[in-house]
Amino acid sequence: MSLTVAIQMDPMEAVNIDGDSTFVLAMEAQARGYRLYHYLPRDMSMKDGRVTARAQPLQVRRERGNHHTFGAAEVIEPGRCDVVLLRQDPPFDMAYITTTHLLEKVNQTALVVNDPVSVRNAPEKLFVTHFPDLMPQTLISADPAEIRAFRAEHKDIILKPLYGNGGAGVFHVKPDDENLNSLLEMFTQLYREPIMVQRYEPKVREGDKRVILIDGVAAGAVNRVPAAGEARSNMHVGGKPVKSPMSKRDLEICERIGPELKRLGLVFVGIDVIGDYITEINVTSPTGLQEINRFDGVKLEAKIWDAIERRLGERKK
């Protein structure tokens, strides 16, 4: 296919070419001969129901310090492109939600990946609650009494901001930790939303596995092992990627959730699995492609574009 692709993402200058999933998606698209545009969320406008973006033609290359070239900026209509990649990083705040409303209009004519309505309705830490039997024991609440009761029941707990990302603001509260009240005060001051409280899973010391699903099908995994003295395994905070085959349990989880992901137009999804439990379903801007590619000798970005091309073919029918 000869496609025009607009990529809505963060600044290209900050991209880590050895770890960024959007970068390899752009590389694969370019190798297929697609025409690429790049724009930032703030470059979008809507007037009289027509969505535009001040975008720049984009070329990418795997050269550190020289990994992209922009053409002259022009105003485009993302809806006239074939595909729009929604790849800006969280936080999943009102600015993010606003972009999904604009892209909802775009999705009537262009294929937006992932589907903006489903992204808006599936924030990572809430969407996973649709599958409660696959999760650790979880509480979502702003009520200190409920949170203290949950701790009294489970002793060892994890506190997370409901719309955070990259491990920011995640706390492991051990049974003898005296800081719970202070943490609740801090969360109340920093966030208007409830917080997520989960039973601590000791198997996190063995790693927090990122499993990639492409159009609802398990495609590969990488384990992320937390650094010594760290409860979080996110690579942003020092987690070490380790080769990891998908276990029988990983595949069971994917088979349960995969059909719903596909139905919702969530083509590229990354789930987080600790032991036997899924903790998050990442649909906004999942990562992990490059790590899995290196460990498994695969090219997952090609499979993603294959899935996108299939969806475009189905649309035309």
C-alpha atoms as a PDB file:
ATOM      1  CA  MET A   1       0.000   0.000   0.000  1.00  0.00           C
ATOM      2  CA  SER A   2       1.044   3.602  -0.571  1.00  0.00           C
ATOM      3  CA  LEU A   3      -0.161   5.448   2.514  1.00  0.00           C
ATOM      4  CA  THR A   4      -0.014   8.906   4.031  1.00  0.00           C
ATOM      5  CA  VAL A   5       0.542   8.679   7.775  1.00  0.00           C
ATOM      6  CA  ALA A   6       0.330  11.480  10.349  1.00  0.00           C
ATOM      7  CA  ILE A   7       2.028  10.795  13.685  1.00  0.00           C
ATOM      8  CA  GLN A   8       0.678  12.712  16.663  1.00  0.00           C
ATOM      9  CA  MET A   9       3.398  12.444  19.289  1.00  0.00           C
ATOM     10  CA  ASP A  10       5.855  14.273  21.520  1.00  0.00           C
ATOM     11  CA  PRO A  11       8.880  16.215  20.167  1.00  0.00           C
ATOM     12  CA  MET A  12      11.078  14.134  17.857  1.00  0.00           C
ATOM     13  CA  GLU A  13      14.185  15.719  19.334  1.00  0.00           C
ATOM     14  CA  ALA A  14      13.676  13.853  22.624  1.00  0.00           C
ATOM     15  CA  VAL A  15      13.246  10.400  21.061  1.00  0.00           C
ATOM     16  CA  ASN A  16      15.554   7.603  22.244  1.00  0.00           C
ATOM     17  CA  ILE A  17      16.197   5.802  18.974  1.00  0.00           C
ATOM     18  CA  ASP A  18      17.311   2.634  20.795  1.00  0.00           C
ATOM     19  CA  GLY A  19      14.157   2.294  22.886  1.00  0.00           C
ATOM     20  CA  ASP A  20      11.299   4.293  21.426  1.00  0.00           C
ATOM     21  CA  SER A  21       8.494   2.266  19.861  1.00  0.00           C
ATOM     22  CA  THR A  22       7.123   5.164  17.805  1.00  0.00           C
ATOM     23  CA  PHE A  23      10.544   5.586  16.190  1.00  0.00           C
ATOM     24  CA  VAL A  24      10.617   2.033  14.849  1.00  0.00           C
ATOM     25  CA  LEU A  25       6.994   2.328  13.721  1.00  0.00           C
ATOM     26  CA  ALA A  26       8.048   5.397  11.726  1.00  0.00           C
ATOM     27  CA  MET A  27      11.133   3.576  10.377  1.00  0.00           C
ATOM     28  CA  GLU A  28       9.011   0.660   9.159  1.00  0.00           C
ATOM     29  CA  ALA A  29       6.414   2.978   7.630  1.00  0.00           C
ATOM     30  CA  GLN A  30       9.138   4.848   5.775  1.00  0.00           C
ATOM     31  CA  ALA A  31      10.680   1.577   4.540  1.00  0.00           C
ATOM     32  CA  ARG A  32       7.269   0.663   3.072  1.00  0.00           C
ATOM     33  CA  GLY A  33       7.205   3.922   1.137  1.00  0.00           C
ATOM     34  CA  TYR A  34       4.559   5.655   3.253  1.00  0.00           C
ATOM     35  CA  ARG A  35       4.580   9.447   3.365  1.00  0.00           C
ATOM     36  CA  LEU A  36       5.047  10.643   6.967  1.00  0.00           C
ATOM     37  CA  TYR A  37       3.975  13.769   8.802  1.00  0.00           C
ATOM     38  CA  HIS A  38       4.747  14.706  12.413  1.00  0.00           C
ATOM     39  CA  TYR A  39       2.824  17.084  14.627  1.00  0.00           C
ATOM     40  CA  LEU A  40       2.433  17.805  18.329  1.00  0.00           C
ATOM     41  CA  PRO A  41      -0.932  17.691  20.118  1.00  0.00           C
ATOM     42  CA  ARG A  42      -0.827  21.454  20.570  1.00  0.00           C
ATOM     43  CA  ASP A  43      -0.547  21.868  16.781  1.00  0.00           C
ATOM     44  CA  MET A  44      -4.137  20.667  16.305  1.00  0.00           C
ATOM     45  CA  SER A  45      -7.055  23.001  15.641  1.00  0.00           C
ATOM     46  CA  MET A  46     -10.743  22.603  14.896  1.00  0.00           C
ATOM     47  CA  LYS A  47     -12.846  25.197  13.119  1.00  0.00           C
ATOM     48  CA  ASP A  48     -16.433  24.644  12.020  1.00  0.00           C
ATOM     49  CA  GLY A  49     -16.033  20.935  12.734  1.00  0.00           C
ATOM     50  CA  ARG A  50     -12.900  20.631  10.531  1.00  0.00           C
ATOM     51  CA  VAL A  51      -9.761  19.345  12.254  1.00  0.00           C
ATOM     52  CA  THR A  52      -6.380  20.585  11.044  1.00  0.00           C
ATOM     53  CA  ALA A  53      -2.814  20.272  12.248  1.00  0.00           C
ATOM     54  CA  ARG A  54       0.302  22.300  11.564  1.00  0.00           C
ATOM     55  CA  ALA A  55       2.517  19.385  10.596  1.00  0.00           C
ATOM     56  CA  GLN A  56       5.947  18.769   9.099  1.00  0.00           C
ATOM     57  CA  PRO A  57       6.942  16.104   6.574  1.00  0.00           C
ATOM     58  CA  LEU A  58       9.177  13.626   8.392  1.00  0.00           C
ATOM     59  CA  GLN A  59      12.132  11.449   7.478  1.00  0.00           C
ATOM     60  CA  VAL A  60      13.789   9.204  10.070  1.00  0.00           C
ATOM     61  CA  ARG A  61      17.101   7.341  10.271  1.00  0.00           C
ATOM     62  CA  ARG A  62      18.910   5.332  12.919  1.00  0.00           C
ATOM     63  CA  GLU A  63      21.671   7.858  13.557  1.00  0.00           C
ATOM     64  CA  ARG A  64      22.205   9.193  17.064  1.00  0.00           C
ATOM     65  CA  GLY A  65      21.938  12.966  17.116  1.00  0.00           C
ATOM     66  CA  ASN A  66      20.715  12.996  13.525  1.00  0.00           C
ATOM     67  CA  HIS A  67      17.715  10.695  13.633  1.00  0.00           C
ATOM     68  CA  HIS A  68      15.171  12.856  11.834  1.00  0.00           C
ATOM     69  CA  THR A  69      14.674  15.565   9.236  1.00  0.00           C
ATOM     70  CA  PHE A  70      11.651  17.833   9.037  1.00  0.00           C
ATOM     71  CA  GLY A  71      10.319  19.478   5.920  1.00  0.00           C
ATOM     72  CA  ALA A  72       8.629  22.857   5.847  1.00  0.00           C
ATOM     73  CA  ALA A  73       5.570  23.092   8.087  1.00  0.00           C
ATOM     74  CA  GLU A  74       2.195  22.954   6.390  1.00  0.00           C
ATOM     75  CA  VAL A  75      -1.386  22.825   7.542  1.00  0.00           C
ATOM     76  CA  ILE A  76      -2.869  19.393   6.866  1.00  0.00           C
ATOM     77  CA  GLU A  77      -6.190  17.755   7.568  1.00  0.00           C
ATOM     78  CA  PRO A  78      -5.390  14.528   9.442  1.00  0.00           C
ATOM     79  CA  GLY A  79      -8.734  13.189   8.273  1.00  0.00           C
ATOM     80  CA  ARG A  80      -7.446  13.245   4.684  1.00  0.00           C
ATOM     81  CA  CYS A  81      -4.523  10.999   5.626  1.00  0.00           C
ATOM     82  CA  ASP A  82      -4.863   7.242   5.480  1.00  0.00           C
ATOM     83  CA  VAL A  83      -3.645   6.650   9.043  1.00  0.00           C
ATOM     84  CA  VAL A  84      -3.119   8.764  12.143  1.00  0.00           C
ATOM     85  CA  LEU A  85      -0.918   7.265  14.856  1.00  0.00           C
ATOM     86  CA  LEU A  86      -1.946   8.491  18.308  1.00  0.00           C
ATOM     87  CA  ARG A  87       1.418   8.126  20.055  1.00  0.00           C
ATOM     88  CA  GLN A  88       1.769  10.974  22.522  1.00  0.00           C
ATOM     89  CA  ASP A  89       2.842   9.898  25.992  1.00  0.00           C
ATOM     90  CA  PRO A  90       0.619  10.340  29.040  1.00  0.00           C
ATOM     91  CA  PRO A  91      -0.226  11.892  31.514  1.00  0.00           C
ATOM     92  CA  PHE A  92      -3.787  11.033  30.652  1.00  0.00           C
ATOM     93  CA  ASP A  93      -5.190  14.424  31.581  1.00  0.00           C
ATOM     94  CA  MET A  94      -7.817  16.741  30.099  1.00  0.00           C
ATOM     95  CA  ALA A  95      -5.399  17.825  27.374  1.00  0.00           C
ATOM     96  CA  TYR A  96      -5.042  14.185  26.341  1.00  0.00           C
ATOM     97  CA  ILE A  97      -8.788  13.614  26.492  1.00  0.00           C
ATOM     98  CA  THR A  98      -9.364  16.710  24.325  1.00  0.00           C
ATOM     99  CA  THR A  99      -7.137  15.269  21.594  1.00  0.00           C
ATOM    100  CA  THR A 100      -9.235  12.103  21.578  1.00  0.00           C
ATOM    101  CA  HIS A 101     -12.359  14.193  20.959  1.00  0.00           C
ATOM    102  CA  LEU A 102     -10.686  15.902  17.997  1.00  0.00           C
ATOM    103  CA  LEU A 103      -9.394  12.594  16.661  1.00  0.00           C
ATOM    104  CA  GLU A 104     -12.853  11.089  16.998  1.00  0.00           C
ATOM    105  CA  LYS A 105     -13.871  13.346  14.117  1.00  0.00           C
ATOM    106  CA  VAL A 106     -10.715  12.433  12.192  1.00  0.00           C
ATOM    107  CA  ASN A 107     -11.450   8.721  12.658  1.00  0.00           C
ATOM    108  CA  GLN A 108     -14.537   9.052  10.454  1.00  0.00           C
ATOM    109  CA  THR A 109     -12.305   9.238   7.364  1.00  0.00           C
ATOM    110  CA  ALA A 110      -8.774   8.250   8.456  1.00  0.00           C
ATOM    111  CA  LEU A 111      -7.899   5.193  10.540  1.00  0.00           C
ATOM    112  CA  VAL A 112      -6.718   6.400  13.952  1.00  0.00           C
ATOM    113  CA  VAL A 113      -4.551   3.892  15.835  1.00  0.00           C
ATOM    114  CA  ASN A 114      -5.429   3.306  18.566  1.00  0.00           C
ATOM    115  CA  ASP A 115      -9.122   4.170  18.213  1.00  0.00           C
ATOM    116  CA  PRO A 116      -9.508   7.518  20.056  1.00  0.00           C
ATOM    117  CA  VAL A 117     -12.902   6.722  21.584  1.00  0.00           C
ATOM    118  CA  SER A 118     -11.570   3.487  23.016  1.00  0.00           C
ATOM    119  CA  VAL A 119      -8.409   5.212  24.264  1.00  0.00           C
ATOM    120  CA  ARG A 120     -10.557   7.795  26.022  1.00  0.00           C
ATOM    121  CA  ASN A 121     -12.701   5.091  27.574  1.00  0.00           C
ATOM    122  CA  ALA A 122      -9.834   2.797  28.545  1.00  0.00           C
ATOM    123  CA  PRO A 123      -7.312   4.555  30.804  1.00  0.00           C
ATOM    124  CA  GLU A 124      -4.706   1.976  31.775  1.00  0.00           C
ATOM    125  CA  LYS A 125      -5.500   1.517  35.437  1.00  0.00           C
ATOM    126  CA  LEU A 126      -9.277   1.581  34.986  1.00  0.00           C
ATOM    127  CA  PHE A 127      -9.685  -0.525  31.866  1.00  0.00           C
ATOM    128  CA  VAL A 128      -7.975  -3.465  33.566  1.00  0.00           C
ATOM    129  CA  THR A 129     -10.763  -3.533  36.167  1.00  0.00           C
ATOM    130  CA  HIS A 130     -13.051  -4.941  33.453  1.00  0.00           C
ATOM    131  CA  PHE A 131     -11.239  -8.210  34.122  1.00  0.00           C
ATOM    132  CA  PRO A 132     -11.272  -8.381  37.945  1.00  0.00           C
ATOM    133  CA  ASP A 133     -10.539 -12.098  38.132  1.00  0.00           C
ATOM    134  CA  LEU A 134      -7.243 -11.522  36.294  1.00  0.00           C
ATOM    135  CA  MET A 135      -6.050  -8.751  38.645  1.00  0.00           C
ATOM    136  CA  PRO A 136      -4.487  -8.618  42.104  1.00  0.00           C
ATOM    137  CA  GLN A 137      -6.872  -7.470  44.836  1.00  0.00           C
ATOM    138  CA  THR A 138      -7.490  -3.795  44.029  1.00  0.00           C
ATOM    139  CA  LEU A 139      -9.174  -0.766  45.543  1.00  0.00           C
ATOM    140  CA  ILE A 140      -9.858   2.544  43.778  1.00  0.00           C
ATOM    141  CA  SER A 141     -10.837   5.171  46.297  1.00  0.00           C
ATOM    142  CA  ALA A 142     -10.147   8.598  47.757  1.00  0.00           C
ATOM    143  CA  ASP A 143     -11.592   7.576  51.132  1.00  0.00           C
ATOM    144  CA  PRO A 144      -8.782   7.253  53.709  1.00  0.00           C
ATOM    145  CA  ALA A 145     -10.899   4.901  55.827  1.00  0.00           C
ATOM    146  CA  GLU A 146     -11.398   2.533  52.870  1.00  0.00           C
ATOM    147  CA  ILE A 147      -7.684   2.636  52.087  1.00  0.00           C
ATOM    148  CA  ARG A 148      -6.699   1.930  55.696  1.00  0.00           C
ATOM    149  CA  ALA A 149      -9.160  -0.972  55.828  1.00  0.00           C
ATOM    150  CA  PHE A 150      -7.672  -2.386  52.608  1.00  0.00           C
ATOM    151  CA  ARG A 151      -4.223  -2.150  54.143  1.00  0.00           C
ATOM    152  CA  ALA A 152      -5.398  -3.808  57.334  1.00  0.00           C
ATOM    153  CA  GLU A 153      -6.680  -6.702  55.226  1.00  0.00           C
ATOM    154  CA  HIS A 154      -3.713  -7.127  52.861  1.00  0.00           C
ATOM    155  CA  LYS A 155      -0.870  -5.666  54.978  1.00  0.00           C
ATOM    156  CA  ASP A 156       1.572  -5.140  52.085  1.00  0.00           C
ATOM    157  CA  ILE A 157       0.226  -2.708  49.473  1.00  0.00           C
ATOM    158  CA  ILE A 158       1.073  -0.537  46.484  1.00  0.00           C
ATOM    159  CA  LEU A 159      -0.270   3.009  46.021  1.00  0.00           C
ATOM    160  CA  LYS A 160      -0.501   4.475  42.503  1.00  0.00           C
ATOM    161  CA  PRO A 161      -1.865   7.692  41.008  1.00  0.00           C
ATOM    162  CA  LEU A 162      -4.795   6.681  38.838  1.00  0.00           C
ATOM    163  CA  TYR A 163      -3.580   8.503  35.731  1.00  0.00           C
ATOM    164  CA  GLY A 164       0.187   8.397  36.199  1.00  0.00           C
ATOM    165  CA  ASN A 165       2.739   6.752  33.944  1.00  0.00           C
ATOM    166  CA  GLY A 166       6.317   5.523  33.914  1.00  0.00           C
ATOM    167  CA  GLY A 167       6.205   4.486  37.563  1.00  0.00           C
ATOM    168  CA  ALA A 168       5.951   8.087  38.787  1.00  0.00           C
ATOM    169  CA  GLY A 169       4.263   8.420  42.166  1.00  0.00           C
ATOM    170  CA  VAL A 170       4.131   4.658  42.864  1.00  0.00           C
ATOM    171  CA  PHE A 171       4.778   3.675  46.494  1.00  0.00           C
ATOM    172  CA  HIS A 172       5.288   0.315  48.165  1.00  0.00           C
ATOM    173  CA  VAL A 173       3.838   0.547  51.682  1.00  0.00           C
ATOM    174  CA  LYS A 174       5.058  -2.354  53.822  1.00  0.00           C
ATOM    175  CA  PRO A 175       3.161  -3.614  56.888  1.00  0.00           C
ATOM    176  CA  ASP A 176       5.433  -1.742  59.310  1.00  0.00           C
ATOM    177  CA  ASP A 177       5.578   1.466  57.260  1.00  0.00           C
ATOM    178  CA  GLU A 178       4.375   4.505  59.241  1.00  0.00           C
ATOM    179  CA  ASN A 179       4.047   6.814  56.229  1.00  0.00           C
ATOM    180  CA  LEU A 180       0.603   5.839  54.947  1.00  0.00           C
ATOM    181  CA  ASN A 181      -1.204   8.864  56.418  1.00  0.00           C
ATOM    182  CA  SER A 182       1.425  11.245  55.054  1.00  0.00           C
ATOM    183  CA  LEU A 183       1.204   9.635  51.637  1.00  0.00           C
ATOM    184  CA  LEU A 184      -2.583   9.975  51.620  1.00  0.00           C
ATOM    185  CA  GLU A 185      -2.234  13.647  52.516  1.00  0.00           C
ATOM    186  CA  MET A 186       0.239  14.091  49.667  1.00  0.00           C
ATOM    187  CA  PHE A 187      -1.968  12.296  47.155  1.00  0.00           C
ATOM    188  CA  THR A 188      -4.920  14.472  48.226  1.00  0.00           C
ATOM    189  CA  GLN A 189      -2.896  17.615  47.615  1.00  0.00           C
ATOM    190  CA  LEU A 190      -1.485  16.498  44.249  1.00  0.00           C
ATOM    191  CA  TYR A 191      -4.493  14.768  42.682  1.00  0.00           C
ATOM    192  CA  ARG A 192      -8.233  15.356  42.525  1.00  0.00           C
ATOM    193  CA  GLU A 193      -8.841  11.762  41.400  1.00  0.00           C
ATOM    194  CA  PRO A 194      -9.062   8.648  43.558  1.00  0.00           C
ATOM    195  CA  ILE A 195      -5.922   6.554  43.862  1.00  0.00           C
ATOM    196  CA  MET A 196      -5.340   2.914  43.039  1.00  0.00           C
ATOM    197  CA  VAL A 197      -4.351   0.603  45.881  1.00  0.00           C
ATOM    198  CA  GLN A 198      -3.285  -2.957  45.149  1.00  0.00           C
ATOM    199  CA  ARG A 199      -2.119  -5.926  47.117  1.00  0.00           C
ATOM    200  CA  TYR A 200       1.659  -6.132  46.780  1.00  0.00           C
ATOM    201  CA  GLU A 201       2.756  -9.063  44.638  1.00  0.00           C
ATOM    202  CA  PRO A 202       6.171 -10.335  45.838  1.00  0.00           C
ATOM    203  CA  LYS A 203       6.800 -11.858  42.406  1.00  0.00           C
ATOM    204  CA  VAL A 204       7.519  -8.342  41.154  1.00  0.00           C
ATOM    205  CA  ARG A 205      11.076  -9.007  42.399  1.00  0.00           C
ATOM    206  CA  GLU A 206      11.280 -11.525  39.541  1.00  0.00           C
ATOM    207  CA  GLY A 207      10.050  -8.881  37.142  1.00  0.00           C
ATOM    208  CA  ASP A 208       7.053  -7.077  35.696  1.00  0.00           C
ATOM    209  CA  LYS A 209       6.461  -8.531  32.242  1.00  0.00           C
ATOM    210  CA  ARG A 210       5.368  -6.354  29.326  1.00  0.00           C
ATOM    211  CA  VAL A 211       3.362  -8.413  26.832  1.00  0.00           C
ATOM    212  CA  ILE A 212       2.532  -6.891  23.448  1.00  0.00           C
ATOM    213  CA  LEU A 213      -0.778  -7.659  21.737  1.00  0.00           C
ATOM    214  CA  ILE A 214      -1.287  -6.756  18.085  1.00  0.00           C
ATOM    215  CA  ASP A 215      -4.924  -6.530  17.062  1.00  0.00           C
ATOM    216  CA  GLY A 216      -5.850  -8.692  20.042  1.00  0.00           C
ATOM    217  CA  VAL A 217      -3.206 -11.400  19.547  1.00  0.00           C
ATOM    218  CA  ALA A 218      -0.175 -11.970  21.801  1.00  0.00           C
ATOM    219  CA  ALA A 219       2.960 -11.085  19.818  1.00  0.00           C
ATOM    220  CA  GLY A 220       5.874 -11.071  22.269  1.00  0.00           C
ATOM    221  CA  ALA A 221       7.074 -10.183  25.757  1.00  0.00           C
ATOM    222  CA  VAL A 222       9.964  -8.699  27.678  1.00  0.00           C
ATOM    223  CA  ASN A 223      10.512  -8.932  31.417  1.00  0.00           C
ATOM    224  CA  ARG A 224      11.497  -5.827  33.364  1.00  0.00           C
ATOM    225  CA  VAL A 225      13.385  -6.575  36.558  1.00  0.00           C
ATOM    226  CA  PRO A 226      13.459  -3.832  39.213  1.00  0.00           C
ATOM    227  CA  ALA A 227      16.783  -2.468  40.381  1.00  0.00           C
ATOM    228  CA  ALA A 228      18.017  -3.343  43.857  1.00  0.00           C
ATOM    229  CA  GLY A 229      16.144  -1.341  46.475  1.00  0.00           C
ATOM    230  CA  GLU A 230      13.426  -0.350  43.984  1.00  0.00           C
ATOM    231  CA  ALA A 231       9.810  -1.569  43.975  1.00  0.00           C
ATOM    232  CA  ARG A 232       9.141  -0.281  40.456  1.00  0.00           C
ATOM    233  CA  SER A 233      10.275  -2.134  37.372  1.00  0.00           C
ATOM    234  CA  ASN A 234       9.645   0.582  34.766  1.00  0.00           C
ATOM    235  CA  MET A 235      12.649   1.087  32.515  1.00  0.00           C
ATOM    236  CA  HIS A 236      12.276   4.844  33.109  1.00  0.00           C
ATOM    237  CA  VAL A 237      13.374   4.246  36.707  1.00  0.00           C
ATOM    238  CA  GLY A 238      16.127   1.692  36.192  1.00  0.00           C
ATOM    239  CA  GLY A 239      14.253  -1.527  35.462  1.00  0.00           C
ATOM    240  CA  LYS A 240      16.406  -3.930  33.447  1.00  0.00           C
ATOM    241  CA  PRO A 241      14.894  -5.560  30.342  1.00  0.00           C
ATOM    242  CA  VAL A 242      15.392  -9.330  30.275  1.00  0.00           C
ATOM    243  CA  LYS A 243      14.480 -11.841  27.571  1.00  0.00           C
ATOM    244  CA  SER A 244      11.286 -13.627  28.501  1.00  0.00           C
ATOM    245  CA  PRO A 245       9.139 -16.116  26.609  1.00  0.00           C
ATOM    246  CA  MET A 246       5.395 -15.876  27.080  1.00  0.00           C
ATOM    247  CA  SER A 247       4.177 -18.277  29.731  1.00  0.00           C
ATOM    248  CA  LYS A 248       1.031 -20.363  29.590  1.00  0.00           C
ATOM    249  CA  ARG A 249      -0.581 -17.880  31.992  1.00  0.00           C
ATOM    250  CA  ASP A 250       0.433 -14.916  29.797  1.00  0.00           C
ATOM    251  CA  LEU A 251      -1.257 -16.553  26.834  1.00  0.00           C
ATOM    252  CA  GLU A 252      -4.376 -17.344  28.881  1.00  0.00           C
ATOM    253  CA  ILE A 253      -4.648 -13.680  29.872  1.00  0.00           C
ATOM    254  CA  CYS A 254      -4.185 -12.540  26.268  1.00  0.00           C
ATOM    255  CA  GLU A 255      -6.816 -14.971  25.018  1.00  0.00           C
ATOM    256  CA  ARG A 256      -9.271 -13.538  27.558  1.00  0.00           C
ATOM    257  CA  ILE A 257      -8.729  -9.882  26.797  1.00  0.00           C
ATOM    258  CA  GLY A 258      -7.668 -10.059  23.139  1.00  0.00           C
ATOM    259  CA  PRO A 259     -11.116 -10.251  21.502  1.00  0.00           C
ATOM    260  CA  GLU A 260     -12.270  -7.165  23.414  1.00  0.00           C
ATOM    261  CA  LEU A 261      -9.144  -5.216  22.444  1.00  0.00           C
ATOM    262  CA  LYS A 262      -9.682  -6.080  18.789  1.00  0.00           C
ATOM    263  CA  ARG A 263     -13.370  -5.148  18.951  1.00  0.00           C
ATOM    264  CA  LEU A 264     -12.482  -1.755  20.400  1.00  0.00           C
ATOM    265  CA  GLY A 265      -9.932  -0.925  17.691  1.00  0.00           C
ATOM    266  CA  LEU A 266      -6.974  -1.150  20.081  1.00  0.00           C
ATOM    267  CA  VAL A 267      -4.395  -2.404  17.586  1.00  0.00           C
ATOM    268  CA  PHE A 268      -1.201  -1.898  19.608  1.00  0.00           C
ATOM    269  CA  VAL A 269      -1.531  -2.713  23.312  1.00  0.00           C
ATOM    270  CA  GLY A 270       0.986  -3.485  26.044  1.00  0.00           C
ATOM    271  CA  ILE A 271      -0.169  -5.272  29.187  1.00  0.00           C
ATOM    272  CA  ASP A 272       1.785  -5.550  32.430  1.00  0.00           C
ATOM    273  CA  VAL A 273       1.845  -8.950  34.128  1.00  0.00           C
ATOM    274  CA  ILE A 274       3.286  -9.748  37.570  1.00  0.00           C
ATOM    275  CA  GLY A 275       3.268 -13.445  38.348  1.00  0.00           C
ATOM    276  CA  ASP A 276      -0.220 -14.660  37.470  1.00  0.00           C
ATOM    277  CA  TYR A 277      -1.876 -11.241  37.467  1.00  0.00           C
ATOM    278  CA  ILE A 278      -2.381  -8.443  34.986  1.00  0.00           C
ATOM    279  CA  THR A 279      -1.883  -5.014  36.570  1.00  0.00           C
ATOM    280  CA  GLU A 280      -2.352  -2.599  33.654  1.00  0.00           C
ATOM    281  CA  ILE A 281      -3.580  -2.500  30.054  1.00  0.00           C
ATOM    282  CA  ASN A 282      -1.596   0.203  28.250  1.00  0.00           C
ATOM    283  CA  VAL A 283      -3.382   1.643  25.221  1.00  0.00           C
ATOM    284  CA  THR A 284      -2.225   5.262  25.015  1.00  0.00           C
ATOM    285  CA  SER A 285       1.402   4.949  23.884  1.00  0.00           C
ATOM    286  CA  PRO A 286       2.682   1.445  24.691  1.00  0.00           C
ATOM    287  CA  THR A 287       6.393   0.676  24.587  1.00  0.00           C
ATOM    288  CA  GLY A 288       8.531  -2.461  24.411  1.00  0.00           C
ATOM    289  CA  LEU A 289       8.892  -3.136  20.691  1.00  0.00           C
ATOM    290  CA  GLN A 290      12.616  -2.588  20.409  1.00  0.00           C
ATOM    291  CA  GLU A 291      13.492  -4.648  23.476  1.00  0.00           C
ATOM    292  CA  ILE A 292      11.423  -7.612  22.263  1.00  0.00           C
ATOM    293  CA  ASN A 293      12.838  -7.260  18.757  1.00  0.00           C
ATOM    294  CA  ARG A 294      16.402  -7.500  20.056  1.00  0.00           C
ATOM    295  CA  PHE A 295      15.765 -10.446  22.368  1.00  0.00           C
ATOM    296  CA  ASP A 296      13.573 -12.492  20.023  1.00  0.00           C
ATOM    297  CA  GLY A 297      14.963 -11.550  16.620  1.00  0.00           C
ATOM    298  CA  VAL A 298      11.586 -10.283  15.416  1.00  0.00           C
ATOM    299  CA  LYS A 299      10.198  -7.088  13.923  1.00  0.00           C
ATOM    300  CA  LEU A 300       6.967  -6.343  15.747  1.00  0.00           C
ATOM    301  CA  GLU A 301       6.510  -2.961  14.086  1.00  0.00           C
ATOM    302  CA  ALA A 302       6.081  -4.791  10.767  1.00  0.00           C
ATOM    303  CA  LYS A 303       3.310  -6.914  12.288  1.00  0.00           C
ATOM    304  CA  ILE A 304       1.606  -3.759  13.546  1.00  0.00           C
ATOM    305  CA  TRP A 305       1.649  -2.184  10.095  1.00  0.00           C
ATOM    306  CA  ASP A 306       0.389  -5.455   8.606  1.00  0.00           C
ATOM    307  CA  ALA A 307      -2.548  -5.284  11.031  1.00  0.00           C
ATOM    308  CA  ILE A 308      -3.191  -1.643  10.142  1.00  0.00           C
ATOM    309  CA  GLU A 309      -3.161  -2.459   6.421  1.00  0.00           C
ATOM    310  CA  ARG A 310      -5.656  -5.268   7.030  1.00  0.00           C
ATOM    311  CA  ARG A 311      -7.964  -2.875   8.873  1.00  0.00           C
ATOM    312  CA  LEU A 312      -7.703  -0.363   6.023  1.00  0.00           C
ATOM    313  CA  GLY A 313      -8.614  -3.131   3.580  1.00  0.00           C
ATOM    314  CA  GLU A 314     -11.635  -4.060   5.698  1.00  0.00           C
ATOM    315  CA  ARG A 315     -12.719  -0.419   5.789  1.00  0.00           C
ATOM    316  CA  LYS A 316     -12.674  -0.205   1.997  1.00  0.00           C
ATOM    317  CA  LYS A 317     -14.870  -3.286   1.755  1.00  0.00           C
END
